[in-house]
Amino acid sequence: MRLFAAGQAGKYILTIRFGNREFAPRVFTTLVTILLMGLLVSLGRWQLRRSAEKQKLYDEFAAGADATLPIDVATAPVPRFQHVKLTGRYDAARQILIDNMESPDNRIGYDVLTPFALNGGGWILVDRGWVPAGPSRSLLPHIPVLNDLRTISGRADLLPRPGIRLAGAAPLAPPFPVIADYPRLSDIALLLHEKHWARAAPVILLDANQSDGYLRAWTVPGFPPMRYFAYAIQWFGLAATLFVIYIVTNLRRRDAAAKD
């Protein structure tokens, strides 16, 4: 094997000769290959990070059921997916429908958010589950609930969030139930004119065995960790394929190379 640092006045970045073959990659194709491989490897590493983050959420979801914590307005923030119990009354007159929510079988509908007045003061939001959308947006679902004193249980969670939140959205306004696209707690507080909100969590996902709820199949949102891991393998596989193509297309017989 013979190695040359450059060939034909810089046309090739290097030339390696072994036997009757010659590996002589061009400068331009080498630079393009390096850039593309760097991009593909970066995408693979990004998917690996997403897989690790999602696995952490799955672990937190599983750990949340280990114990049930009682909460009130003064309770410090609890871990996401922590199982909790709380006592108070539903406010059926001021409910919110989160629009464009999917059921487990991919139907479009609403998540029903009901303010819950905590015993002893303060408020928290309870997600009572998913209901299907009607044939028209003017036909809203019937979502009654009594305001009797009760103790409920569920998991602490965040409000649903969009991938990209557009600026300039109009503030929420009656009549109730209000239809909202990915509302923030501050938007809901302004709508309801309430300032004293529980610190424990923005919303409670009502347990499936609790009364006055709708479809509740709570899971970690998004794809499972293995999906992101599979995407990472695909990106790394593309990088490896590109490298093989680079080697093969720049490896020629010496008699063919001499004609260039």
Protein backbone atom coordinates (compact mmCIF):
# COMPACT_ATOMS: atom_id res chain seq x y z
CA MET A 1 0.00 0.00 0.00
CA ARG A 2 1.26 3.49 -0.88
CA LEU A 3 -0.13 6.72 0.55
CA PHE A 4 0.06 10.11 -1.21
CA ALA A 5 -0.95 13.32 0.58
CA ALA A 6 -2.57 14.87 -2.47
CA GLY A 7 -3.02 14.13 -6.11
CA GLN A 8 -3.39 16.00 -9.40
CA ALA A 9 -2.85 19.55 -8.08
CA GLY A 10 -5.29 19.26 -5.20
CA LYS A 11 -8.03 17.48 -7.17
CA TYR A 12 -7.93 14.64 -4.64
CA ILE A 13 -7.60 15.11 -0.89
CA LEU A 14 -5.31 12.04 -0.74
CA THR A 15 -4.48 8.96 -2.76
CA ILE A 16 -4.00 5.49 -1.31
CA ARG A 17 -2.77 2.75 -3.64
CA PHE A 18 -2.85 -0.94 -2.81
CA GLY A 19 -2.47 -3.58 -5.45
CA ASN A 20 -4.32 -2.65 -8.62
CA ARG A 21 -6.75 -0.39 -6.84
CA GLU A 22 -6.66 3.24 -5.80
CA PHE A 23 -8.65 5.15 -3.19
CA ALA A 24 -8.67 8.80 -4.29
CA PRO A 25 -11.51 10.84 -2.78
CA ARG A 26 -12.11 14.28 -4.22
CA VAL A 27 -11.94 17.34 -1.98
CA PHE A 28 -15.51 18.48 -2.64
CA THR A 29 -17.16 15.09 -2.11
CA THR A 30 -15.10 14.54 1.03
CA LEU A 31 -16.22 17.84 2.55
CA VAL A 32 -19.87 17.19 1.65
CA THR A 33 -19.67 13.68 3.12
CA ILE A 34 -18.15 14.97 6.36
CA LEU A 35 -20.87 17.60 6.72
CA LEU A 36 -23.71 15.17 5.99
CA MET A 37 -22.30 12.50 8.29
CA GLY A 38 -21.92 15.06 11.06
CA LEU A 39 -25.56 16.08 10.59
CA LEU A 40 -26.82 12.48 10.59
CA VAL A 41 -24.82 11.55 13.68
CA SER A 42 -26.07 14.69 15.47
CA LEU A 43 -29.67 13.74 14.66
CA GLY A 44 -29.05 10.25 16.01
CA ARG A 45 -27.61 11.60 19.26
CA TRP A 46 -30.58 13.98 19.57
CA GLN A 47 -32.99 11.04 19.28
CA LEU A 48 -31.01 9.15 21.91
CA ARG A 49 -31.39 12.11 24.28
CA ARG A 50 -35.12 12.20 23.59
CA SER A 51 -35.32 8.47 24.29
CA ALA A 52 -33.58 8.97 27.64
CA GLU A 53 -35.89 11.87 28.52
CA LYS A 54 -38.98 9.85 27.66
CA GLN A 55 -37.71 6.87 29.66
CA LYS A 56 -37.32 9.21 32.63
CA LEU A 57 -40.98 10.24 32.26
CA TYR A 58 -42.07 6.59 32.11
CA ASP A 59 -40.09 5.90 35.27
CA GLU A 60 -41.71 8.88 36.99
CA PHE A 61 -45.16 7.73 35.88
CA ALA A 62 -44.55 4.28 37.38
CA ALA A 63 -43.08 5.72 40.59
CA GLY A 64 -46.01 8.12 41.02
CA ALA A 65 -48.34 5.28 42.00
CA ASP A 66 -46.14 4.13 44.88
CA ALA A 67 -47.84 6.43 47.38
CA THR A 68 -50.83 8.78 47.57
CA LEU A 69 -50.19 12.25 48.97
CA PRO A 70 -52.96 14.47 50.37
CA ILE A 71 -52.73 18.02 49.00
CA ASP A 72 -54.30 21.40 49.68
CA VAL A 73 -53.67 24.95 48.54
CA ALA A 74 -50.43 25.22 50.57
CA THR A 75 -48.85 21.92 49.50
CA ALA A 76 -45.48 22.39 47.83
CA PRO A 77 -45.11 21.27 44.19
CA VAL A 78 -45.16 17.49 43.94
CA PRO A 79 -43.35 15.37 41.32
CA ARG A 80 -45.06 15.02 37.99
CA PHE A 81 -47.45 12.01 37.92
CA GLN A 82 -47.49 11.79 41.72
CA HIS A 83 -50.72 10.16 42.90
CA VAL A 84 -52.64 12.55 45.16
CA LYS A 85 -55.96 12.98 46.90
CA LEU A 86 -57.81 16.22 47.59
CA THR A 87 -61.07 17.36 49.13
CA GLY A 88 -63.36 20.08 47.83
CA ARG A 89 -66.15 20.88 45.39
CA TYR A 90 -66.36 21.00 41.60
CA ASP A 91 -67.38 24.28 39.97
CA ALA A 92 -69.62 23.02 37.14
CA ALA A 93 -70.57 26.54 36.04
CA ARG A 94 -67.08 27.51 34.83
CA GLN A 95 -65.67 24.58 32.90
CA ILE A 96 -63.16 24.59 30.04
CA LEU A 97 -62.93 22.29 27.03
CA ILE A 98 -59.38 21.82 25.71
CA ASP A 99 -59.82 21.52 21.96
CA ASN A 100 -58.18 19.08 19.52
CA MET A 101 -57.40 16.36 22.04
CA GLU A 102 -57.07 12.78 20.78
CA SER A 103 -58.55 9.66 22.31
CA PRO A 104 -56.47 6.44 22.45
CA ASP A 105 -58.16 5.35 19.22
CA ASN A 106 -57.25 8.66 17.50
CA ARG A 107 -60.64 10.35 17.59
CA ILE A 108 -60.70 14.12 18.01
CA GLY A 109 -62.53 15.70 20.93
CA TYR A 110 -62.06 17.69 24.11
CA ASP A 111 -60.45 17.25 27.51
CA VAL A 112 -62.84 18.46 30.21
CA LEU A 113 -61.16 20.80 32.72
CA THR A 114 -63.24 21.53 35.80
CA PRO A 115 -62.14 24.00 38.50
CA PHE A 116 -62.07 22.37 41.93
CA ALA A 117 -62.52 24.56 45.03
CA LEU A 118 -60.28 23.04 47.68
CA ASN A 119 -61.60 22.56 51.17
CA GLY A 120 -59.90 25.26 53.21
CA GLY A 121 -59.46 27.63 50.27
CA GLY A 122 -57.80 27.86 46.91
CA TRP A 123 -58.35 26.21 43.54
CA ILE A 124 -56.93 23.49 41.35
CA LEU A 125 -57.91 22.18 37.91
CA VAL A 126 -59.16 18.63 37.46
CA ASP A 127 -59.04 16.94 34.06
CA ARG A 128 -62.15 14.74 34.13
CA GLY A 129 -61.27 13.00 30.88
CA TRP A 130 -61.91 13.03 27.16
CA VAL A 131 -65.24 13.53 25.39
CA PRO A 132 -65.87 13.32 21.62
CA ALA A 133 -66.56 16.41 19.53
CA GLY A 134 -70.03 16.74 18.07
CA PRO A 135 -70.92 17.07 14.38
CA SER A 136 -70.65 20.85 14.78
CA ARG A 137 -68.52 23.09 17.01
CA SER A 138 -71.73 24.83 18.02
CA LEU A 139 -72.95 21.58 19.62
CA LEU A 140 -70.91 21.32 22.80
CA PRO A 141 -70.88 18.18 24.96
CA HIS A 142 -73.05 17.96 28.05
CA ILE A 143 -70.62 17.81 31.00
CA PRO A 144 -72.61 18.16 34.26
CA VAL A 145 -71.18 17.51 37.71
CA LEU A 146 -72.59 18.06 41.21
CA ASN A 147 -70.92 20.54 43.57
CA ASP A 148 -71.16 18.35 46.66
CA LEU A 149 -68.20 18.07 49.00
CA ARG A 150 -66.07 15.10 47.95
CA THR A 151 -62.59 13.61 48.13
CA ILE A 152 -61.10 12.68 44.77
CA SER A 153 -57.84 11.14 43.64
CA GLY A 154 -55.67 11.37 40.56
CA ARG A 155 -52.21 12.13 39.25
CA ALA A 156 -50.45 15.49 39.26
CA ASP A 157 -49.59 16.67 35.76
CA LEU A 158 -48.93 19.63 33.49
CA LEU A 159 -51.49 21.20 31.21
CA PRO A 160 -51.23 20.00 27.59
CA ARG A 161 -48.70 22.07 25.62
CA PRO A 162 -48.34 22.63 21.87
CA GLY A 163 -45.12 22.02 19.97
CA ILE A 164 -45.08 25.71 19.03
CA ARG A 165 -47.13 28.35 20.82
CA LEU A 166 -48.15 31.22 18.56
CA ALA A 167 -48.13 34.75 19.93
CA GLY A 168 -51.13 37.03 19.90
CA ALA A 169 -53.81 34.52 20.94
CA ALA A 170 -57.05 36.11 22.11
CA PRO A 171 -57.74 35.88 25.88
CA LEU A 172 -60.24 33.30 27.05
CA ALA A 173 -63.74 34.64 27.57
CA PRO A 174 -67.21 33.33 28.51
CA PRO A 175 -69.75 31.88 27.78
CA PHE A 176 -68.97 28.64 29.56
CA PRO A 177 -67.91 26.02 28.85
CA VAL A 178 -65.07 27.87 27.17
CA ILE A 179 -63.29 26.15 24.28
CA ALA A 180 -59.52 26.69 24.56
CA ASP A 181 -56.48 25.64 22.53
CA TYR A 182 -53.70 24.64 24.93
CA PRO A 183 -54.49 27.17 27.68
CA ARG A 184 -51.91 28.09 30.30
CA LEU A 185 -52.75 28.28 33.98
CA SER A 186 -52.32 32.07 33.81
CA ASP A 187 -54.92 32.22 31.00
CA ILE A 188 -57.40 30.20 33.06
CA ALA A 189 -56.73 32.23 36.21
CA LEU A 190 -57.51 35.41 34.28
CA LEU A 191 -60.67 33.86 32.81
CA LEU A 192 -61.96 32.73 36.20
CA HIS A 193 -60.76 35.84 38.10
CA GLU A 194 -59.12 33.60 40.70
CA LYS A 195 -55.68 34.23 42.20
CA HIS A 196 -55.26 31.51 44.80
CA TRP A 197 -54.19 28.34 43.04
CA ALA A 198 -52.71 25.21 44.55
CA ARG A 199 -48.95 24.98 44.17
CA ALA A 200 -48.91 21.18 44.09
CA ALA A 201 -49.62 20.88 40.35
CA PRO A 202 -51.28 22.78 37.49
CA VAL A 203 -53.82 19.99 36.90
CA ILE A 204 -54.96 16.68 38.38
CA LEU A 205 -55.73 13.77 36.04
CA LEU A 206 -58.81 12.19 37.61
CA ASP A 207 -58.43 8.47 38.33
CA ALA A 208 -60.41 6.12 36.10
CA ASN A 209 -62.27 4.69 39.12
CA GLN A 210 -63.56 8.10 40.22
CA SER A 211 -67.14 9.16 39.54
CA ASP A 212 -68.19 12.03 37.25
CA GLY A 213 -65.42 11.43 34.76
CA TYR A 214 -65.18 10.59 31.08
CA LEU A 215 -62.71 8.56 29.03
CA ARG A 216 -59.50 8.36 31.07
CA ALA A 217 -56.63 6.24 29.76
CA TRP A 218 -53.78 8.25 31.24
CA THR A 219 -50.33 7.48 29.90
CA VAL A 220 -47.10 9.39 29.33
CA PRO A 221 -47.80 11.67 26.34
CA GLY A 222 -45.99 11.15 23.05
CA PHE A 223 -44.10 8.19 21.64
CA PRO A 224 -42.52 5.52 23.89
CA PRO A 225 -38.74 5.56 24.45
CA MET A 226 -38.10 2.72 22.00
CA ARG A 227 -39.59 4.75 19.15
CA TYR A 228 -36.96 7.45 19.62
CA PHE A 229 -34.25 4.80 20.00
CA ALA A 230 -35.37 3.28 16.68
CA TYR A 231 -35.17 6.72 15.05
CA ALA A 232 -31.62 7.09 16.41
CA ILE A 233 -30.62 3.74 14.90
CA GLN A 234 -32.04 4.89 11.55
CA TRP A 235 -29.98 8.11 11.60
CA PHE A 236 -26.81 6.23 12.56
CA GLY A 237 -27.58 3.65 9.87
CA LEU A 238 -27.88 6.40 7.25
CA ALA A 239 -24.54 7.82 8.39
CA ALA A 240 -22.92 4.39 8.06
CA THR A 241 -24.51 3.91 4.62
CA LEU A 242 -23.23 7.28 3.48
CA PHE A 243 -19.73 6.36 4.64
CA VAL A 244 -19.84 3.07 2.72
CA ILE A 245 -21.05 4.88 -0.42
CA TYR A 246 -18.20 7.39 -0.01
CA ILE A 247 -15.63 4.58 0.19
CA VAL A 248 -17.07 2.57 -2.69
CA THR A 249 -17.48 5.50 -5.08
CA ASN A 250 -13.90 6.65 -4.49
CA LEU A 251 -12.28 3.21 -4.77
CA ARG A 252 -11.39 2.39 -8.37
CA ARG A 253 -9.12 0.24 -10.43
CA ARG A 254 -5.88 2.01 -11.25
CA ASP A 255 -6.37 1.78 -14.99
CA ALA A 256 -9.73 3.53 -14.66
CA ALA A 257 -8.24 6.14 -12.31
CA ALA A 258 -5.48 6.88 -14.81
CA LYS A 259 -8.04 8.05 -17.37
CA ASP A 260 -9.28 10.91 -15.10
